[in-house]
Amino acid sequence: MKGNAIDEKCLALLYSYIDEALQASGIVEYFTSWNGEEGLPITKIRSICWADIKTPYDLVLADRDFWEIAGSDELYEVFQNHMPFTPFTRIE
């Protein structure tokens, strides 16, 4: 995906914000939805490691996708081994 200059600026700011939040807390929950549709069912849940996010464009989600982003491989492995109810995947 390639966007215009405004898209690039917004995604770069989001990338920076998530990076800072991960440094502070170790995990970030990331959800997208259209205004007014926040109460509709989540369409996809993924848990990923921040190291798998290579560019800000990797943060583009479909409507009502929910991601749990682990700040480190170690934290990702803890979640994968101790929370089997969450579908953990690595971005390839």
PDB file of N, CA and C in Angstrom:
ATOM      1  N   MET A   1       0.838  -1.176   0.000  1.00  0.00           N
ATOM      2  CA  MET A   1       0.000   0.000   0.000  1.00  0.00           C
ATOM      3  C   MET A   1       0.881   1.237   0.000  1.00  0.00           C
ATOM      4  N   LYS A   2       0.521   2.189  -0.780  1.00  0.00           N
ATOM      5  CA  LYS A   2       1.236   3.459  -0.830  1.00  0.00           C
ATOM      6  C   LYS A   2       0.201   4.567  -0.816  1.00  0.00           C
ATOM      7  N   GLY A   3       0.386   5.537   0.036  1.00  0.00           N
ATOM      8  CA  GLY A   3      -0.567   6.626   0.156  1.00  0.00           C
ATOM      9  C   GLY A   3       0.044   7.949  -0.254  1.00  0.00           C
ATOM     10  N   ASN A   4      -0.670   9.004   0.052  1.00  0.00           N
ATOM     11  CA  ASN A   4      -0.178  10.346  -0.255  1.00  0.00           C
ATOM     12  C   ASN A   4       0.625  10.886   0.934  1.00  0.00           C
ATOM     13  N   ALA A   5       1.068  12.115   0.823  1.00  0.00           N
ATOM     14  CA  ALA A   5       1.921  12.708   1.859  1.00  0.00           C
ATOM     15  C   ALA A   5       1.210  12.793   3.214  1.00  0.00           C
ATOM     16  N   ILE A   6      -0.087  13.065   3.206  1.00  0.00           N
ATOM     17  CA  ILE A   6      -0.835  13.150   4.464  1.00  0.00           C
ATOM     18  C   ILE A   6      -0.930  11.770   5.111  1.00  0.00           C
ATOM     19  N   ASP A   7      -1.216  10.734   4.307  1.00  0.00           N
ATOM     20  CA  ASP A   7      -1.252   9.361   4.838  1.00  0.00           C
ATOM     21  C   ASP A   7       0.085   8.998   5.467  1.00  0.00           C
ATOM     22  N   GLU A   8       1.161   9.297   4.762  1.00  0.00           N
ATOM     23  CA  GLU A   8       2.502   8.969   5.253  1.00  0.00           C
ATOM     24  C   GLU A   8       2.797   9.676   6.569  1.00  0.00           C
ATOM     25  N   LYS A   9       2.428  10.950   6.664  1.00  0.00           N
ATOM     26  CA  LYS A   9       2.666  11.706   7.894  1.00  0.00           C
ATOM     27  C   LYS A   9       1.859  11.125   9.054  1.00  0.00           C
ATOM     28  N   CYS A  10       0.586  10.825   8.825  1.00  0.00           N
ATOM     29  CA  CYS A  10      -0.262  10.276   9.884  1.00  0.00           C
ATOM     30  C   CYS A  10       0.226   8.902  10.335  1.00  0.00           C
ATOM     31  N   LEU A  11       0.603   8.051   9.389  1.00  0.00           N
ATOM     32  CA  LEU A  11       1.093   6.722   9.752  1.00  0.00           C
ATOM     33  C   LEU A  11       2.424   6.798  10.487  1.00  0.00           C
ATOM     34  N   ALA A  12       3.279   7.737  10.092  1.00  0.00           N
ATOM     35  CA  ALA A  12       4.558   7.908  10.792  1.00  0.00           C
ATOM     36  C   ALA A  12       4.322   8.361  12.235  1.00  0.00           C
ATOM     37  N   LEU A  13       3.359   9.262  12.442  1.00  0.00           N
ATOM     38  CA  LEU A  13       3.019   9.701  13.801  1.00  0.00           C
ATOM     39  C   LEU A  13       2.443   8.544  14.624  1.00  0.00           C
ATOM     40  N   LEU A  14       1.572   7.746  14.018  1.00  0.00           N
ATOM     41  CA  LEU A  14       1.007   6.591  14.708  1.00  0.00           C
ATOM     42  C   LEU A  14       2.094   5.590  15.080  1.00  0.00           C
ATOM     43  N   TYR A  15       2.998   5.323  14.149  1.00  0.00           N
ATOM     44  CA  TYR A  15       4.115   4.402  14.380  1.00  0.00           C
ATOM     45  C   TYR A  15       4.954   4.876  15.571  1.00  0.00           C
ATOM     46  N   SER A  16       5.270   6.161  15.589  1.00  0.00           N
ATOM     47  CA  SER A  16       6.058   6.741  16.673  1.00  0.00           C
ATOM     48  C   SER A  16       5.310   6.653  18.007  1.00  0.00           C
ATOM     49  N   TYR A  17       4.025   6.948  17.983  1.00  0.00           N
ATOM     50  CA  TYR A  17       3.204   6.890  19.195  1.00  0.00           C
ATOM     51  C   TYR A  17       3.161   5.468  19.755  1.00  0.00           C
ATOM     52  N   ILE A  18       2.928   4.480  18.890  1.00  0.00           N
ATOM     53  CA  ILE A  18       2.873   3.089  19.350  1.00  0.00           C
ATOM     54  C   ILE A  18       4.229   2.646  19.877  1.00  0.00           C
ATOM     55  N   ASP A  19       5.305   3.043  19.201  1.00  0.00           N
ATOM     56  CA  ASP A  19       6.652   2.695  19.657  1.00  0.00           C
ATOM     57  C   ASP A  19       6.904   3.235  21.066  1.00  0.00           C
ATOM     58  N   GLU A  20       6.538   4.491  21.306  1.00  0.00           N
ATOM     59  CA  GLU A  20       6.709   5.089  22.632  1.00  0.00           C
ATOM     60  C   GLU A  20       5.839   4.385  23.677  1.00  0.00           C
ATOM     61  N   ALA A  21       4.613   4.052  23.313  1.00  0.00           N
ATOM     62  CA  ALA A  21       3.717   3.364  24.249  1.00  0.00           C
ATOM     63  C   ALA A  21       4.253   1.978  24.601  1.00  0.00           C
ATOM     64  N   LEU A  22       4.834   1.292  23.629  1.00  0.00           N
ATOM     65  CA  LEU A  22       5.404  -0.033  23.890  1.00  0.00           C
ATOM     66  C   LEU A  22       6.614   0.051  24.810  1.00  0.00           C
ATOM     67  N   GLN A  23       7.409   1.093  24.660  1.00  0.00           N
ATOM     68  CA  GLN A  23       8.557   1.272  25.550  1.00  0.00           C
ATOM     69  C   GLN A  23       8.092   1.502  26.987  1.00  0.00           C
ATOM     70  N   ALA A  24       6.954   2.157  27.138  1.00  0.00           N
ATOM     71  CA  ALA A  24       6.437   2.458  28.474  1.00  0.00           C
ATOM     72  C   ALA A  24       5.692   1.280  29.102  1.00  0.00           C
ATOM     73  N   SER A  25       4.983   0.490  28.281  1.00  0.00           N
ATOM     74  CA  SER A  25       4.112  -0.533  28.868  1.00  0.00           C
ATOM     75  C   SER A  25       4.386  -1.965  28.414  1.00  0.00           C
ATOM     76  N   GLY A  26       5.050  -2.145  27.292  1.00  0.00           N
ATOM     77  CA  GLY A  26       5.355  -3.497  26.818  1.00  0.00           C
ATOM     78  C   GLY A  26       4.323  -4.101  25.896  1.00  0.00           C
ATOM     79  N   ILE A  27       3.082  -3.623  25.968  1.00  0.00           N
ATOM     80  CA  ILE A  27       2.034  -4.136  25.082  1.00  0.00           C
ATOM     81  C   ILE A  27       1.050  -3.017  24.757  1.00  0.00           C
ATOM     82  N   VAL A  28       0.554  -3.045  23.524  1.00  0.00           N
ATOM     83  CA  VAL A  28      -0.428  -2.060  23.068  1.00  0.00           C
ATOM     84  C   VAL A  28      -1.571  -2.813  22.402  1.00  0.00           C
ATOM     85  N   GLU A  29      -2.791  -2.428  22.730  1.00  0.00           N
ATOM     86  CA  GLU A  29      -3.963  -2.935  22.023  1.00  0.00           C
ATOM     87  C   GLU A  29      -4.351  -1.893  20.986  1.00  0.00           C
ATOM     88  N   TYR A  30      -4.520  -2.344  19.756  1.00  0.00           N
ATOM     89  CA  TYR A  30      -4.725  -1.450  18.617  1.00  0.00           C
ATOM     90  C   TYR A  30      -5.983  -1.897  17.884  1.00  0.00           C
ATOM     91  N   PHE A  31      -6.948  -0.987  17.730  1.00  0.00           N
ATOM     92  CA  PHE A  31      -8.259  -1.313  17.172  1.00  0.00           C
ATOM     93  C   PHE A  31      -8.675  -0.227  16.204  1.00  0.00           C
ATOM     94  N   THR A  32      -9.294  -0.623  15.097  1.00  0.00           N
ATOM     95  CA  THR A  32      -9.806   0.356  14.146  1.00  0.00           C
ATOM     96  C   THR A  32     -11.292   0.117  13.910  1.00  0.00           C
ATOM     97  N   SER A  33     -12.020   1.209  13.718  1.00  0.00           N
ATOM     98  CA  SER A  33     -13.433   1.112  13.333  1.00  0.00           C
ATOM     99  C   SER A  33     -13.878   2.463  12.788  1.00  0.00           C
ATOM    100  N   TRP A  34     -14.938   2.424  12.026  1.00  0.00           N
ATOM    101  CA  TRP A  34     -15.549   3.660  11.570  1.00  0.00           C
ATOM    102  C   TRP A  34     -16.267   4.304  12.746  1.00  0.00           C
ATOM    103  N   ASN A  35     -16.360   5.623  12.728  1.00  0.00           N
ATOM    104  CA  ASN A  35     -17.060   6.360  13.767  1.00  0.00           C
ATOM    105  C   ASN A  35     -18.497   5.847  13.886  1.00  0.00           C
ATOM    106  N   GLY A  36     -18.896   5.535  15.106  1.00  0.00           N
ATOM    107  CA  GLY A  36     -20.237   5.043  15.360  1.00  0.00           C
ATOM    108  C   GLY A  36     -20.371   3.533  15.265  1.00  0.00           C
ATOM    109  N   GLU A  37     -19.329   2.840  14.795  1.00  0.00           N
ATOM    110  CA  GLU A  37     -19.379   1.383  14.646  1.00  0.00           C
ATOM    111  C   GLU A  37     -18.485   0.667  15.656  1.00  0.00           C
ATOM    112  N   GLU A  38     -18.063   1.385  16.687  1.00  0.00           N
ATOM    113  CA  GLU A  38     -17.164   0.801  17.687  1.00  0.00           C
ATOM    114  C   GLU A  38     -17.783  -0.392  18.415  1.00  0.00           C
ATOM    115  N   GLY A  39     -19.096  -0.434  18.524  1.00  0.00           N
ATOM    116  CA  GLY A  39     -19.775  -1.508  19.234  1.00  0.00           C
ATOM    117  C   GLY A  39     -20.039  -2.754  18.404  1.00  0.00           C
ATOM    118  N   LEU A  40     -19.769  -2.689  17.109  1.00  0.00           N
ATOM    119  CA  LEU A  40     -19.967  -3.865  16.256  1.00  0.00           C
ATOM    120  C   LEU A  40     -18.907  -4.918  16.564  1.00  0.00           C
ATOM    121  N   PRO A  41     -19.167  -6.176  16.222  1.00  0.00           N
ATOM    122  CA  PRO A  41     -18.198  -7.238  16.519  1.00  0.00           C
ATOM    123  C   PRO A  41     -16.848  -7.009  15.841  1.00  0.00           C
ATOM    124  N   ILE A  42     -15.799  -7.419  16.531  1.00  0.00           N
ATOM    125  CA  ILE A  42     -14.452  -7.390  15.961  1.00  0.00           C
ATOM    126  C   ILE A  42     -14.392  -8.434  14.858  1.00  0.00           C
ATOM    127  N   THR A  43     -13.774  -8.085  13.730  1.00  0.00           N
ATOM    128  CA  THR A  43     -13.722  -9.012  12.600  1.00  0.00           C
ATOM    129  C   THR A  43     -12.501  -9.919  12.628  1.00  0.00           C
ATOM    130  N   LYS A  44     -11.393  -9.439  13.199  1.00  0.00           N
ATOM    131  CA  LYS A  44     -10.176 -10.254  13.262  1.00  0.00           C
ATOM    132  C   LYS A  44      -9.364  -9.833  14.471  1.00  0.00           C
ATOM    133  N   ILE A  45      -8.832 -10.825  15.194  1.00  0.00           N
ATOM    134  CA  ILE A  45      -7.943 -10.569  16.327  1.00  0.00           C
ATOM    135  C   ILE A  45      -6.592 -11.179  16.002  1.00  0.00           C
ATOM    136  N   ARG A  46      -5.537 -10.385  16.191  1.00  0.00           N
ATOM    137  CA  ARG A  46      -4.173 -10.884  15.980  1.00  0.00           C
ATOM    138  C   ARG A  46      -3.288 -10.383  17.104  1.00  0.00           C
ATOM    139  N   SER A  47      -2.329 -11.176  17.452  1.00  0.00           N
ATOM    140  CA  SER A  47      -1.289 -10.753  18.382  1.00  0.00           C
ATOM    141  C   SER A  47       0.033 -10.855  17.647  1.00  0.00           C
ATOM    142  N   ILE A  48       0.781  -9.774  17.664  1.00  0.00           N
ATOM    143  CA  ILE A  48       2.020  -9.717  16.889  1.00  0.00           C
ATOM    144  C   ILE A  48       3.140  -9.122  17.724  1.00  0.00           C
ATOM    145  N   CYS A  49       4.339  -9.278  17.242  1.00  0.00           N
ATOM    146  CA  CYS A  49       5.516  -8.694  17.867  1.00  0.00           C
ATOM    147  C   CYS A  49       5.880  -7.410  17.124  1.00  0.00           C
ATOM    148  N   TRP A  50       6.214  -6.366  17.852  1.00  0.00           N
ATOM    149  CA  TRP A  50       6.548  -5.072  17.264  1.00  0.00           C
ATOM    150  C   TRP A  50       7.692  -5.180  16.260  1.00  0.00           C
ATOM    151  N   ALA A  51       8.612  -6.087  16.485  1.00  0.00           N
ATOM    152  CA  ALA A  51       9.739  -6.253  15.563  1.00  0.00           C
ATOM    153  C   ALA A  51       9.278  -6.667  14.168  1.00  0.00           C
ATOM    154  N   ASP A  52       8.071  -7.231  14.066  1.00  0.00           N
ATOM    155  CA  ASP A  52       7.543  -7.635  12.764  1.00  0.00           C
ATOM    156  C   ASP A  52       6.961  -6.463  11.977  1.00  0.00           C
ATOM    157  N   ILE A  53       6.781  -5.335  12.630  1.00  0.00           N
ATOM    158  CA  ILE A  53       6.292  -4.133  11.955  1.00  0.00           C
ATOM    159  C   ILE A  53       7.505  -3.418  11.380  1.00  0.00           C
ATOM    160  N   LYS A  54       7.672  -3.480  10.072  1.00  0.00           N
ATOM    161  CA  LYS A  54       8.866  -2.930   9.424  1.00  0.00           C
ATOM    162  C   LYS A  54       8.695  -1.475   8.991  1.00  0.00           C
ATOM    163  N   THR A  55       7.484  -1.099   8.613  1.00  0.00           N
ATOM    164  CA  THR A  55       7.226   0.270   8.172  1.00  0.00           C
ATOM    165  C   THR A  55       5.897   0.734   8.769  1.00  0.00           C
ATOM    166  N   PRO A  56       5.657   2.030   8.808  1.00  0.00           N
ATOM    167  CA  PRO A  56       4.364   2.514   9.284  1.00  0.00           C
ATOM    168  C   PRO A  56       3.186   1.949   8.489  1.00  0.00           C
ATOM    169  N   TYR A  57       3.394   1.611   7.223  1.00  0.00           N
ATOM    170  CA  TYR A  57       2.303   1.057   6.413  1.00  0.00           C
ATOM    171  C   TYR A  57       1.860  -0.320   6.900  1.00  0.00           C
ATOM    172  N   ASP A  58       2.698  -1.003   7.674  1.00  0.00           N
ATOM    173  CA  ASP A  58       2.300  -2.290   8.255  1.00  0.00           C
ATOM    174  C   ASP A  58       1.208  -2.114   9.310  1.00  0.00           C
ATOM    175  N   LEU A  59       0.961  -0.886   9.733  1.00  0.00           N
ATOM    176  CA  LEU A  59      -0.060  -0.609  10.743  1.00  0.00           C
ATOM    177  C   LEU A  59      -1.448  -0.392  10.151  1.00  0.00           C
ATOM    178  N   VAL A  60      -1.584  -0.465   8.843  1.00  0.00           N
ATOM    179  CA  VAL A  60      -2.888  -0.281   8.206  1.00  0.00           C
ATOM    180  C   VAL A  60      -3.717  -1.548   8.425  1.00  0.00           C
ATOM    181  N   LEU A  61      -4.850  -1.394   9.087  1.00  0.00           N
ATOM    182  CA  LEU A  61      -5.737  -2.512   9.400  1.00  0.00           C
ATOM    183  C   LEU A  61      -7.036  -2.390   8.622  1.00  0.00           C
ATOM    184  N   ALA A  62      -7.739  -3.496   8.517  1.00  0.00           N
ATOM    185  CA  ALA A  62      -9.095  -3.472   7.980  1.00  0.00           C
ATOM    186  C   ALA A  62     -10.033  -2.964   9.076  1.00  0.00           C
ATOM    187  N   ASP A  63     -11.233  -2.579   8.690  1.00  0.00           N
ATOM    188  CA  ASP A  63     -12.218  -2.084   9.636  1.00  0.00           C
ATOM    189  C   ASP A  63     -12.520  -3.133  10.702  1.00  0.00           C
ATOM    190  N   ARG A  64     -12.479  -2.734  11.954  1.00  0.00           N
ATOM    191  CA  ARG A  64     -12.783  -3.532  13.143  1.00  0.00           C
ATOM    192  C   ARG A  64     -11.797  -4.666  13.388  1.00  0.00           C
ATOM    193  N   ASP A  65     -10.571  -4.507  12.903  1.00  0.00           N
ATOM    194  CA  ASP A  65      -9.490  -5.422  13.275  1.00  0.00           C
ATOM    195  C   ASP A  65      -8.955  -5.000  14.642  1.00  0.00           C
ATOM    196  N   PHE A  66      -8.521  -5.968  15.424  1.00  0.00           N
ATOM    197  CA  PHE A  66      -7.971  -5.730  16.758  1.00  0.00           C
ATOM    198  C   PHE A  66      -6.632  -6.439  16.851  1.00  0.00           C
ATOM    199  N   TRP A  67      -5.589  -5.694  17.193  1.00  0.00           N
ATOM    200  CA  TRP A  67      -4.247  -6.262  17.352  1.00  0.00           C
ATOM    201  C   TRP A  67      -3.769  -6.048  18.775  1.00  0.00           C
ATOM    202  N   GLU A  68      -3.115  -7.057  19.315  1.00  0.00           N
ATOM    203  CA  GLU A  68      -2.316  -6.933  20.527  1.00  0.00           C
ATOM    204  C   GLU A  68      -0.872  -6.931  20.046  1.00  0.00           C
ATOM    205  N   ILE A  69      -0.154  -5.858  20.316  1.00  0.00           N
ATOM    206  CA  ILE A  69       1.225  -5.732  19.847  1.00  0.00           C
ATOM    207  C   ILE A  69       2.152  -5.866  21.046  1.00  0.00           C
ATOM    208  N   ALA A  70       3.006  -6.888  21.015  1.00  0.00           N
ATOM    209  CA  ALA A  70       3.997  -7.102  22.073  1.00  0.00           C
ATOM    210  C   ALA A  70       5.268  -6.357  21.701  1.00  0.00           C
ATOM    211  N   GLY A  71       5.859  -5.687  22.680  1.00  0.00           N
ATOM    212  CA  GLY A  71       7.035  -4.873  22.427  1.00  0.00           C
ATOM    213  C   GLY A  71       8.326  -5.646  22.264  1.00  0.00           C
ATOM    214  N   SER A  72       8.342  -6.918  22.656  1.00  0.00           N
ATOM    215  CA  SER A  72       9.569  -7.707  22.547  1.00  0.00           C
ATOM    216  C   SER A  72       9.227  -9.153  22.206  1.00  0.00           C
ATOM    217  N   ASP A  73      10.217  -9.858  21.662  1.00  0.00           N
ATOM    218  CA  ASP A  73      10.026 -11.280  21.372  1.00  0.00           C
ATOM    219  C   ASP A  73       9.744 -12.061  22.649  1.00  0.00           C
ATOM    220  N   GLU A  74      10.393 -11.671  23.748  1.00  0.00           N
ATOM    221  CA  GLU A  74      10.195 -12.373  25.008  1.00  0.00           C
ATOM    222  C   GLU A  74       8.748 -12.249  25.485  1.00  0.00           C
ATOM    223  N   LEU A  75       8.207 -11.051  25.425  1.00  0.00           N
ATOM    224  CA  LEU A  75       6.825 -10.838  25.835  1.00  0.00           C
ATOM    225  C   LEU A  75       5.872 -11.563  24.894  1.00  0.00           C
ATOM    226  N   TYR A  76       6.174 -11.527  23.613  1.00  0.00           N
ATOM    227  CA  TYR A  76       5.371 -12.240  22.618  1.00  0.00           C
ATOM    228  C   TYR A  76       5.327 -13.731  22.947  1.00  0.00           C
ATOM    229  N   GLU A  77       6.474 -14.314  23.286  1.00  0.00           N
ATOM    230  CA  GLU A  77       6.542 -15.742  23.613  1.00  0.00           C
ATOM    231  C   GLU A  77       5.760 -16.056  24.885  1.00  0.00           C
ATOM    232  N   VAL A  78       5.820 -15.183  25.877  1.00  0.00           N
ATOM    233  CA  VAL A  78       5.045 -15.390  27.107  1.00  0.00           C
ATOM    234  C   VAL A  78       3.561 -15.444  26.779  1.00  0.00           C
ATOM    235  N   PHE A  79       3.087 -14.488  25.991  1.00  0.00           N
ATOM    236  CA  PHE A  79       1.677 -14.486  25.619  1.00  0.00           C
ATOM    237  C   PHE A  79       1.314 -15.718  24.810  1.00  0.00           C
ATOM    238  N   GLN A  80       2.161 -16.096  23.890  1.00  0.00           N
ATOM    239  CA  GLN A  80       1.876 -17.250  23.042  1.00  0.00           C
ATOM    240  C   GLN A  80       1.786 -18.531  23.867  1.00  0.00           C
ATOM    241  N   ASN A  81       2.643 -18.672  24.859  1.00  0.00           N
ATOM    242  CA  ASN A  81       2.677 -19.890  25.663  1.00  0.00           C
ATOM    243  C   ASN A  81       1.641 -19.930  26.784  1.00  0.00           C
ATOM    244  N   HIS A  82       1.141 -18.778  27.219  1.00  0.00           N
ATOM    245  CA  HIS A  82       0.261 -18.751  28.381  1.00  0.00           C
ATOM    246  C   HIS A  82      -1.146 -18.248  28.103  1.00  0.00           C
ATOM    247  N   MET A  83      -1.426 -17.863  26.896  1.00  0.00           N
ATOM    248  CA  MET A  83      -2.765 -17.389  26.555  1.00  0.00           C
ATOM    249  C   MET A  83      -3.229 -18.065  25.270  1.00  0.00           C
ATOM    250  N   PRO A  84      -3.538 -19.350  25.321  1.00  0.00           N
ATOM    251  CA  PRO A  84      -3.885 -20.077  24.106  1.00  0.00           C
ATOM    252  C   PRO A  84      -5.199 -19.651  23.466  1.00  0.00           C
ATOM    253  N   PHE A  85      -6.012 -18.868  24.176  1.00  0.00           N
ATOM    254  CA  PHE A  85      -7.284 -18.427  23.611  1.00  0.00           C
ATOM    255  C   PHE A  85      -7.111 -17.301  22.602  1.00  0.00           C
ATOM    256  N   THR A  86      -5.945 -16.700  22.541  1.00  0.00           N
ATOM    257  CA  THR A  86      -5.685 -15.605  21.612  1.00  0.00           C
ATOM    258  C   THR A  86      -4.928 -16.143  20.402  1.00  0.00           C
ATOM    259  N   PRO A  87      -5.392 -15.864  19.192  1.00  0.00           N
ATOM    260  CA  PRO A  87      -4.723 -16.380  17.994  1.00  0.00           C
ATOM    261  C   PRO A  87      -3.454 -15.595  17.676  1.00  0.00           C
ATOM    262  N   PHE A  88      -2.324 -16.097  18.094  1.00  0.00           N
ATOM    263  CA  PHE A  88      -1.060 -15.413  17.874  1.00  0.00           C
ATOM    264  C   PHE A  88      -0.507 -15.755  16.504  1.00  0.00           C
ATOM    265  N   THR A  89      -0.089 -14.744  15.786  1.00  0.00           N
ATOM    266  CA  THR A  89       0.507 -14.949  14.473  1.00  0.00           C
ATOM    267  C   THR A  89       1.689 -14.029  14.315  1.00  0.00           C
ATOM    268  N   ARG A  90       2.610 -14.422  13.498  1.00  0.00           N
ATOM    269  CA  ARG A  90       3.730 -13.561  13.132  1.00  0.00           C
ATOM    270  C   ARG A  90       3.468 -13.033  11.735  1.00  0.00           C
ATOM    271  N   ILE A  91       3.782 -11.784  11.501  1.00  0.00           N
ATOM    272  CA  ILE A  91       3.680 -11.220  10.159  1.00  0.00           C
ATOM    273  C   ILE A  91       4.881 -11.691   9.379  1.00  0.00           C
ATOM    274  N   GLU A  92       4.655 -12.232   8.244  1.00  0.00           N
ATOM    275  CA  GLU A  92       5.758 -12.718   7.397  1.00  0.00           C
ATOM    276  C   GLU A  92       6.026 -11.724   6.290  1.00  0.00           C
TER     277      GLU A  92
END
